[in-house]
Amino acid sequence: MMSKMVLLALLWSLTWAAAAESAALERAWARATPPGVTTAAIYGVLTNRGDRDVVVVSMASSVAKTTMLHATRIEDGMMRMAHEERVSIAPGQQIVMQPGGRHLMLMGLVRPLIEGEEVEVIFNLESGASVSGLARVGRISQTGYIDD
């Protein structure tokens, strides 16, 4: 009986690990921020490499009090940002985050983002697993991914 319980626990933990490893943040970047600025955005691509849907239910970063996925939309001729509370990514699909579109919004920065550093972002999944990724911080005027 004990060995069956251990085997079940092992299989359950491997399932969670597989879900976490099936999503990846790639080519992520942010702009440096001057002192006193309280918001910033992270751009990049969140890819589902697995064979099941990945559902992101929240995000976090140690550099901000709040981290959210925002979509930019035109409403009544005005550009507006809307919070996306849950996002489902089908197997093999991606969420592309870019200026003027979807992006991760860092609100309540606890310190400035400094050119050359990497900022960690954690994506909490509906399964209970989490995925972390790093965003490279470029110049204040950065317009795209920072190549080596």
N, C-alpha and C. Protein backbone atom coordinates (compact mmCIF):
# COMPACT_ATOMS: atom_id res chain seq x y z
N MET A 1 0.82 -1.20 0.00
CA MET A 1 0.00 0.00 0.00
C MET A 1 0.86 1.26 0.00
N MET A 2 1.91 1.24 0.82
CA MET A 2 2.78 2.41 0.92
C MET A 2 3.48 2.68 -0.41
N SER A 3 3.91 1.63 -1.09
CA SER A 3 4.61 1.84 -2.36
C SER A 3 3.67 2.42 -3.42
N LYS A 4 2.38 2.05 -3.39
CA LYS A 4 1.41 2.63 -4.33
C LYS A 4 1.23 4.11 -4.07
N MET A 5 1.19 4.50 -2.79
CA MET A 5 1.04 5.91 -2.44
C MET A 5 2.26 6.70 -2.89
N VAL A 6 3.44 6.14 -2.71
CA VAL A 6 4.67 6.82 -3.13
C VAL A 6 4.68 6.96 -4.65
N LEU A 7 4.28 5.90 -5.35
CA LEU A 7 4.23 5.95 -6.81
C LEU A 7 3.23 6.99 -7.29
N LEU A 8 2.06 7.04 -6.67
CA LEU A 8 1.06 8.05 -7.05
C LEU A 8 1.59 9.46 -6.80
N ALA A 9 2.22 9.67 -5.67
CA ALA A 9 2.78 10.99 -5.36
C ALA A 9 3.85 11.37 -6.38
N LEU A 10 4.68 10.42 -6.75
CA LEU A 10 5.73 10.68 -7.74
C LEU A 10 5.12 11.03 -9.09
N LEU A 11 4.14 10.27 -9.53
CA LEU A 11 3.48 10.55 -10.82
C LEU A 11 2.81 11.92 -10.80
N TRP A 12 2.15 12.25 -9.70
CA TRP A 12 1.47 13.55 -9.58
C TRP A 12 2.49 14.68 -9.67
N SER A 13 3.62 14.56 -8.97
CA SER A 13 4.63 15.62 -9.01
C SER A 13 5.27 15.73 -10.40
N LEU A 14 5.45 14.61 -11.08
CA LEU A 14 6.00 14.66 -12.44
C LEU A 14 5.03 15.34 -13.40
N THR A 15 3.73 15.12 -13.21
CA THR A 15 2.73 15.78 -14.05
C THR A 15 2.80 17.28 -13.87
N TRP A 16 2.91 17.76 -12.63
CA TRP A 16 3.02 19.19 -12.37
C TRP A 16 4.29 19.75 -12.97
N ALA A 17 5.41 19.02 -12.82
CA ALA A 17 6.68 19.49 -13.38
C ALA A 17 6.59 19.57 -14.89
N ALA A 18 5.95 18.59 -15.52
CA ALA A 18 5.82 18.61 -16.98
C ALA A 18 5.00 19.81 -17.43
N ALA A 19 3.94 20.13 -16.69
CA ALA A 19 3.11 21.30 -17.05
C ALA A 19 3.94 22.57 -16.95
N ALA A 20 4.76 22.67 -15.91
CA ALA A 20 5.58 23.87 -15.73
C ALA A 20 6.61 23.99 -16.84
N GLU A 21 7.20 22.87 -17.22
CA GLU A 21 8.24 22.92 -18.25
C GLU A 21 7.68 23.10 -19.65
N SER A 22 6.37 22.93 -19.82
CA SER A 22 5.80 23.02 -21.16
C SER A 22 5.61 24.46 -21.62
N ALA A 23 5.69 25.43 -20.71
CA ALA A 23 5.55 26.83 -21.09
C ALA A 23 6.89 27.53 -20.87
N ALA A 24 7.20 28.46 -21.76
CA ALA A 24 8.47 29.17 -21.65
C ALA A 24 8.32 30.61 -22.09
N LEU A 25 8.96 31.51 -21.35
CA LEU A 25 9.04 32.93 -21.73
C LEU A 25 10.31 33.11 -22.53
N GLU A 26 10.18 33.62 -23.75
CA GLU A 26 11.33 33.75 -24.65
C GLU A 26 11.44 35.17 -25.17
N ARG A 27 12.66 35.56 -25.46
CA ARG A 27 12.95 36.87 -26.07
C ARG A 27 12.29 38.02 -25.29
N ALA A 28 12.31 37.91 -23.97
CA ALA A 28 11.65 38.92 -23.13
C ALA A 28 12.58 40.09 -22.87
N TRP A 29 11.99 41.28 -22.88
CA TRP A 29 12.77 42.49 -22.68
C TRP A 29 11.91 43.58 -22.05
N ALA A 30 12.59 44.54 -21.46
CA ALA A 30 11.94 45.71 -20.86
C ALA A 30 12.85 46.90 -21.07
N ARG A 31 12.29 48.07 -20.88
CA ARG A 31 13.09 49.30 -20.95
C ARG A 31 13.53 49.70 -19.55
N ALA A 32 14.71 50.27 -19.46
CA ALA A 32 15.17 50.84 -18.18
C ALA A 32 14.22 51.95 -17.78
N THR A 33 14.11 52.18 -16.48
CA THR A 33 13.23 53.25 -15.99
C THR A 33 14.03 54.25 -15.17
N PRO A 34 13.72 55.53 -15.29
CA PRO A 34 14.38 56.53 -14.45
C PRO A 34 13.83 56.47 -13.02
N PRO A 35 14.58 56.98 -12.06
CA PRO A 35 14.08 57.01 -10.68
C PRO A 35 12.74 57.73 -10.60
N GLY A 36 11.85 57.22 -9.75
CA GLY A 36 10.55 57.85 -9.55
C GLY A 36 9.44 57.30 -10.43
N VAL A 37 9.78 56.60 -11.49
CA VAL A 37 8.76 56.01 -12.36
C VAL A 37 8.21 54.78 -11.65
N THR A 38 6.89 54.61 -11.67
CA THR A 38 6.27 53.52 -10.90
C THR A 38 5.72 52.39 -11.76
N THR A 39 5.80 52.52 -13.10
CA THR A 39 5.32 51.46 -13.98
C THR A 39 6.34 51.15 -15.06
N ALA A 40 6.26 49.93 -15.56
CA ALA A 40 7.10 49.51 -16.68
C ALA A 40 6.37 48.37 -17.39
N ALA A 41 6.82 48.04 -18.57
CA ALA A 41 6.23 46.94 -19.33
C ALA A 41 7.31 45.94 -19.72
N ILE A 42 6.90 44.69 -19.81
CA ILE A 42 7.79 43.62 -20.30
C ILE A 42 7.14 43.05 -21.55
N TYR A 43 7.96 42.82 -22.55
CA TYR A 43 7.51 42.27 -23.83
C TYR A 43 8.25 40.97 -24.08
N GLY A 44 7.72 40.13 -24.93
CA GLY A 44 8.36 38.86 -25.26
C GLY A 44 7.32 37.90 -25.80
N VAL A 45 7.65 36.61 -25.72
CA VAL A 45 6.77 35.57 -26.24
C VAL A 45 6.63 34.48 -25.17
N LEU A 46 5.38 34.16 -24.83
CA LEU A 46 5.11 33.05 -23.92
C LEU A 46 4.58 31.90 -24.78
N THR A 47 5.34 30.81 -24.80
CA THR A 47 5.06 29.69 -25.70
C THR A 47 4.64 28.45 -24.91
N ASN A 48 3.61 27.76 -25.40
CA ASN A 48 3.21 26.47 -24.85
C ASN A 48 3.86 25.39 -25.68
N ARG A 49 4.85 24.72 -25.11
CA ARG A 49 5.57 23.65 -25.81
C ARG A 49 4.99 22.28 -25.52
N GLY A 50 3.95 22.23 -24.68
CA GLY A 50 3.39 20.95 -24.27
C GLY A 50 2.28 20.47 -25.17
N ASP A 51 1.60 19.42 -24.69
CA ASP A 51 0.51 18.84 -25.47
C ASP A 51 -0.85 19.08 -24.84
N ARG A 52 -0.90 19.96 -23.83
CA ARG A 52 -2.17 20.35 -23.19
C ARG A 52 -2.22 21.87 -23.09
N ASP A 53 -3.43 22.39 -22.96
CA ASP A 53 -3.58 23.84 -22.75
C ASP A 53 -2.85 24.25 -21.48
N VAL A 54 -2.23 25.41 -21.52
CA VAL A 54 -1.64 26.02 -20.34
C VAL A 54 -2.49 27.25 -20.04
N VAL A 55 -2.97 27.35 -18.80
CA VAL A 55 -3.82 28.48 -18.42
C VAL A 55 -3.07 29.30 -17.37
N VAL A 56 -2.74 30.54 -17.74
CA VAL A 56 -2.06 31.45 -16.83
C VAL A 56 -3.13 32.20 -16.04
N VAL A 57 -3.03 32.15 -14.70
CA VAL A 57 -4.04 32.80 -13.87
C VAL A 57 -3.51 34.03 -13.15
N SER A 58 -2.19 34.15 -13.02
CA SER A 58 -1.62 35.35 -12.42
C SER A 58 -0.13 35.39 -12.71
N MET A 59 0.47 36.56 -12.46
CA MET A 59 1.90 36.77 -12.65
C MET A 59 2.45 37.52 -11.46
N ALA A 60 3.76 37.44 -11.30
CA ALA A 60 4.42 38.19 -10.22
C ALA A 60 5.85 38.49 -10.62
N SER A 61 6.40 39.54 -10.03
CA SER A 61 7.80 39.89 -10.19
C SER A 61 8.25 40.60 -8.91
N SER A 62 9.46 40.32 -8.49
CA SER A 62 9.96 40.94 -7.26
C SER A 62 10.21 42.44 -7.41
N VAL A 63 10.21 42.95 -8.64
CA VAL A 63 10.48 44.38 -8.85
C VAL A 63 9.22 45.23 -8.83
N ALA A 64 8.05 44.59 -8.69
CA ALA A 64 6.79 45.34 -8.72
C ALA A 64 5.80 44.78 -7.72
N LYS A 65 4.97 45.67 -7.20
CA LYS A 65 3.92 45.23 -6.28
C LYS A 65 2.86 44.42 -7.00
N THR A 66 2.58 44.76 -8.26
CA THR A 66 1.56 44.08 -9.05
C THR A 66 2.10 43.83 -10.45
N THR A 67 1.83 42.65 -10.97
CA THR A 67 2.19 42.29 -12.34
C THR A 67 0.95 41.74 -13.02
N MET A 68 0.59 42.30 -14.18
CA MET A 68 -0.62 41.88 -14.89
C MET A 68 -0.35 41.78 -16.38
N LEU A 69 -1.13 40.94 -17.04
CA LEU A 69 -1.12 40.89 -18.49
C LEU A 69 -2.16 41.88 -18.99
N HIS A 70 -1.73 42.80 -19.83
CA HIS A 70 -2.62 43.80 -20.42
C HIS A 70 -2.69 43.63 -21.93
N ALA A 71 -3.84 43.92 -22.46
CA ALA A 71 -4.02 43.98 -23.90
C ALA A 71 -4.37 45.42 -24.25
N THR A 72 -3.78 45.93 -25.31
CA THR A 72 -4.08 47.29 -25.76
C THR A 72 -5.13 47.19 -26.85
N ARG A 73 -6.20 47.97 -26.69
CA ARG A 73 -7.30 47.96 -27.65
C ARG A 73 -7.68 49.39 -28.01
N ILE A 74 -8.26 49.55 -29.18
CA ILE A 74 -8.81 50.84 -29.58
C ILE A 74 -10.31 50.81 -29.28
N GLU A 75 -10.76 51.72 -28.43
CA GLU A 75 -12.19 51.84 -28.11
C GLU A 75 -12.60 53.30 -28.27
N ASP A 76 -13.61 53.53 -29.09
CA ASP A 76 -14.08 54.89 -29.34
C ASP A 76 -12.95 55.81 -29.79
N GLY A 77 -12.06 55.27 -30.62
CA GLY A 77 -10.96 56.05 -31.14
C GLY A 77 -9.82 56.30 -30.16
N MET A 78 -9.91 55.72 -28.96
CA MET A 78 -8.88 55.90 -27.94
C MET A 78 -8.18 54.57 -27.67
N MET A 79 -6.88 54.64 -27.48
CA MET A 79 -6.13 53.45 -27.11
C MET A 79 -6.29 53.22 -25.61
N ARG A 80 -6.72 52.00 -25.24
CA ARG A 80 -6.92 51.66 -23.83
C ARG A 80 -6.27 50.31 -23.52
N MET A 81 -5.86 50.17 -22.26
CA MET A 81 -5.32 48.90 -21.80
C MET A 81 -6.39 48.18 -21.01
N ALA A 82 -6.50 46.88 -21.22
CA ALA A 82 -7.45 46.06 -20.48
C ALA A 82 -6.71 44.89 -19.84
N HIS A 83 -6.97 44.65 -18.57
CA HIS A 83 -6.36 43.54 -17.85
C HIS A 83 -6.97 42.23 -18.33
N GLU A 84 -6.12 41.25 -18.60
CA GLU A 84 -6.59 39.91 -18.96
C GLU A 84 -6.34 39.01 -17.74
N GLU A 85 -7.42 38.61 -17.07
CA GLU A 85 -7.28 37.87 -15.82
C GLU A 85 -6.78 36.46 -16.02
N ARG A 86 -7.23 35.78 -17.04
CA ARG A 86 -6.81 34.40 -17.34
C ARG A 86 -6.52 34.32 -18.83
N VAL A 87 -5.50 33.58 -19.13
CA VAL A 87 -5.18 33.42 -20.54
C VAL A 87 -4.86 31.96 -20.78
N SER A 88 -5.50 31.39 -21.78
CA SER A 88 -5.28 29.99 -22.13
C SER A 88 -4.43 29.94 -23.41
N ILE A 89 -3.39 29.12 -23.36
CA ILE A 89 -2.51 28.97 -24.52
C ILE A 89 -2.59 27.51 -24.97
N ALA A 90 -3.07 27.30 -26.17
CA ALA A 90 -3.21 25.95 -26.72
C ALA A 90 -1.83 25.36 -27.02
N PRO A 91 -1.71 24.05 -27.08
CA PRO A 91 -0.43 23.42 -27.41
C PRO A 91 0.14 23.97 -28.72
N GLY A 92 1.41 24.31 -28.68
CA GLY A 92 2.09 24.82 -29.86
C GLY A 92 1.82 26.28 -30.16
N GLN A 93 1.00 26.94 -29.36
CA GLN A 93 0.65 28.34 -29.60
C GLN A 93 1.46 29.27 -28.71
N GLN A 94 1.36 30.56 -29.01
CA GLN A 94 2.14 31.58 -28.29
C GLN A 94 1.26 32.78 -27.97
N ILE A 95 1.68 33.49 -26.95
CA ILE A 95 1.17 34.83 -26.68
C ILE A 95 2.32 35.77 -26.99
N VAL A 96 2.13 36.63 -27.97
CA VAL A 96 3.17 37.59 -28.34
C VAL A 96 2.87 38.90 -27.63
N MET A 97 3.87 39.38 -26.90
CA MET A 97 3.73 40.64 -26.16
C MET A 97 4.69 41.64 -26.78
N GLN A 98 4.13 42.75 -27.27
CA GLN A 98 4.94 43.74 -27.97
C GLN A 98 4.37 45.14 -27.73
N PRO A 99 5.19 46.17 -27.93
CA PRO A 99 4.68 47.54 -27.76
C PRO A 99 3.44 47.76 -28.63
N GLY A 100 2.42 48.37 -28.06
CA GLY A 100 1.18 48.63 -28.78
C GLY A 100 0.22 47.46 -28.76
N GLY A 101 0.59 46.36 -28.13
CA GLY A 101 -0.26 45.17 -28.06
C GLY A 101 -0.28 44.62 -26.65
N ARG A 102 -0.34 43.31 -26.56
CA ARG A 102 -0.27 42.68 -25.24
C ARG A 102 1.09 42.96 -24.61
N HIS A 103 1.10 43.04 -23.30
CA HIS A 103 2.35 43.24 -22.57
C HIS A 103 2.13 42.91 -21.10
N LEU A 104 3.21 42.65 -20.40
CA LEU A 104 3.15 42.48 -18.96
C LEU A 104 3.34 43.85 -18.34
N MET A 105 2.42 44.25 -17.51
CA MET A 105 2.48 45.57 -16.87
C MET A 105 3.00 45.39 -15.45
N LEU A 106 4.11 46.05 -15.16
CA LEU A 106 4.67 46.07 -13.81
C LEU A 106 4.20 47.35 -13.17
N MET A 107 3.42 47.24 -12.09
CA MET A 107 2.87 48.42 -11.43
C MET A 107 3.36 48.48 -9.99
N GLY A 108 3.67 49.68 -9.54
CA GLY A 108 4.21 49.84 -8.20
C GLY A 108 5.64 49.34 -8.13
N LEU A 109 6.47 49.80 -9.09
CA LEU A 109 7.88 49.38 -9.08
C LEU A 109 8.49 49.68 -7.71
N VAL A 110 9.23 48.73 -7.20
CA VAL A 110 9.87 48.93 -5.89
C VAL A 110 11.27 49.54 -6.05
N ARG A 111 11.73 49.59 -7.29
CA ARG A 111 13.01 50.21 -7.62
C ARG A 111 13.07 50.40 -9.13
N PRO A 112 13.97 51.25 -9.60
CA PRO A 112 14.10 51.42 -11.06
C PRO A 112 14.63 50.14 -11.72
N LEU A 113 14.25 49.94 -12.99
CA LEU A 113 14.83 48.87 -13.80
C LEU A 113 16.11 49.42 -14.40
N ILE A 114 17.20 48.68 -14.27
CA ILE A 114 18.51 49.17 -14.67
C ILE A 114 19.00 48.47 -15.93
N GLU A 115 19.43 49.25 -16.89
CA GLU A 115 19.94 48.70 -18.14
C GLU A 115 20.99 47.64 -17.87
N GLY A 116 20.85 46.50 -18.54
CA GLY A 116 21.81 45.40 -18.41
C GLY A 116 21.39 44.32 -17.44
N GLU A 117 20.45 44.60 -16.56
CA GLU A 117 20.02 43.57 -15.61
C GLU A 117 18.95 42.67 -16.23
N GLU A 118 18.64 41.59 -15.54
CA GLU A 118 17.54 40.71 -15.92
C GLU A 118 16.51 40.72 -14.80
N VAL A 119 15.24 40.78 -15.20
CA VAL A 119 14.14 40.83 -14.26
C VAL A 119 13.37 39.51 -14.37
N GLU A 120 13.13 38.86 -13.24
CA GLU A 120 12.38 37.60 -13.26
C GLU A 120 10.88 37.87 -13.23
N VAL A 121 10.16 37.07 -14.01
CA VAL A 121 8.70 37.09 -14.01
C VAL A 121 8.24 35.67 -13.74
N ILE A 122 7.25 35.52 -12.86
CA ILE A 122 6.70 34.21 -12.54
C ILE A 122 5.26 34.16 -13.04
N PHE A 123 4.96 33.13 -13.81
CA PHE A 123 3.60 32.90 -14.32
C PHE A 123 3.00 31.77 -13.51
N ASN A 124 1.90 32.03 -12.81
CA ASN A 124 1.21 31.02 -12.03
C ASN A 124 0.13 30.39 -12.89
N LEU A 125 0.16 29.07 -12.97
CA LEU A 125 -0.74 28.34 -13.85
C LEU A 125 -1.93 27.76 -13.08
N GLU A 126 -3.01 27.54 -13.79
CA GLU A 126 -4.21 26.98 -13.20
C GLU A 126 -3.93 25.62 -12.55
N SER A 127 -2.98 24.89 -13.07
CA SER A 127 -2.64 23.56 -12.54
C SER A 127 -2.00 23.63 -11.15
N GLY A 128 -1.59 24.83 -10.74
CA GLY A 128 -0.87 24.98 -9.48
C GLY A 128 0.63 25.10 -9.68
N ALA A 129 1.09 24.78 -10.86
CA ALA A 129 2.51 24.91 -11.18
C ALA A 129 2.82 26.37 -11.51
N SER A 130 4.08 26.69 -11.59
CA SER A 130 4.48 28.03 -12.01
C SER A 130 5.66 27.93 -12.97
N VAL A 131 5.79 28.94 -13.80
CA VAL A 131 6.86 29.02 -14.78
C VAL A 131 7.54 30.36 -14.59
N SER A 132 8.86 30.36 -14.55
CA SER A 132 9.54 31.65 -14.43
C SER A 132 10.38 31.90 -15.68
N GLY A 133 10.58 33.17 -15.95
CA GLY A 133 11.39 33.57 -17.09
C GLY A 133 12.09 34.88 -16.76
N LEU A 134 13.09 35.19 -17.55
CA LEU A 134 13.86 36.41 -17.34
C LEU A 134 13.67 37.37 -18.51
N ALA A 135 13.53 38.65 -18.17
CA ALA A 135 13.45 39.71 -19.18
C ALA A 135 14.71 40.56 -19.06
N ARG A 136 15.36 40.79 -20.18
CA ARG A 136 16.56 41.62 -20.21
C ARG A 136 16.15 43.08 -20.29
N VAL A 137 16.78 43.90 -19.48
CA VAL A 137 16.47 45.33 -19.45
C VAL A 137 17.44 46.07 -20.37
N GLY A 138 16.86 46.81 -21.32
CA GLY A 138 17.66 47.59 -22.26
C GLY A 138 17.60 49.08 -21.93
N ARG A 139 18.02 49.87 -22.89
CA ARG A 139 18.00 51.33 -22.73
C ARG A 139 16.57 51.84 -22.55
N ILE A 140 16.45 53.03 -22.05
CA ILE A 140 15.13 53.66 -21.91
C ILE A 140 14.46 53.76 -23.28
N SER A 141 15.25 53.93 -24.33
CA SER A 141 14.73 54.08 -25.69
C SER A 141 14.63 52.75 -26.45
N GLN A 142 14.83 51.63 -25.78
CA GLN A 142 14.82 50.31 -26.43
C GLN A 142 13.51 50.11 -27.19
N THR A 143 13.61 49.53 -28.41
CA THR A 143 12.40 49.32 -29.21
C THR A 143 12.13 47.85 -29.52
N GLY A 144 13.02 46.97 -29.10
CA GLY A 144 12.83 45.55 -29.38
C GLY A 144 13.77 44.71 -28.55
N TYR A 145 13.74 43.41 -28.80
CA TYR A 145 14.55 42.46 -28.06
C TYR A 145 16.02 42.83 -28.12
N ILE A 146 16.72 42.62 -27.03
CA ILE A 146 18.13 42.96 -26.92
C ILE A 146 18.95 41.75 -27.35
N ASP A 147 19.53 41.81 -28.54
CA ASP A 147 20.40 40.73 -29.01
C ASP A 147 21.77 40.88 -28.38
N ASP A 148 22.43 39.75 -28.23
CA ASP A 148 23.81 39.80 -27.67
C ASP A 148 24.77 40.48 -28.62
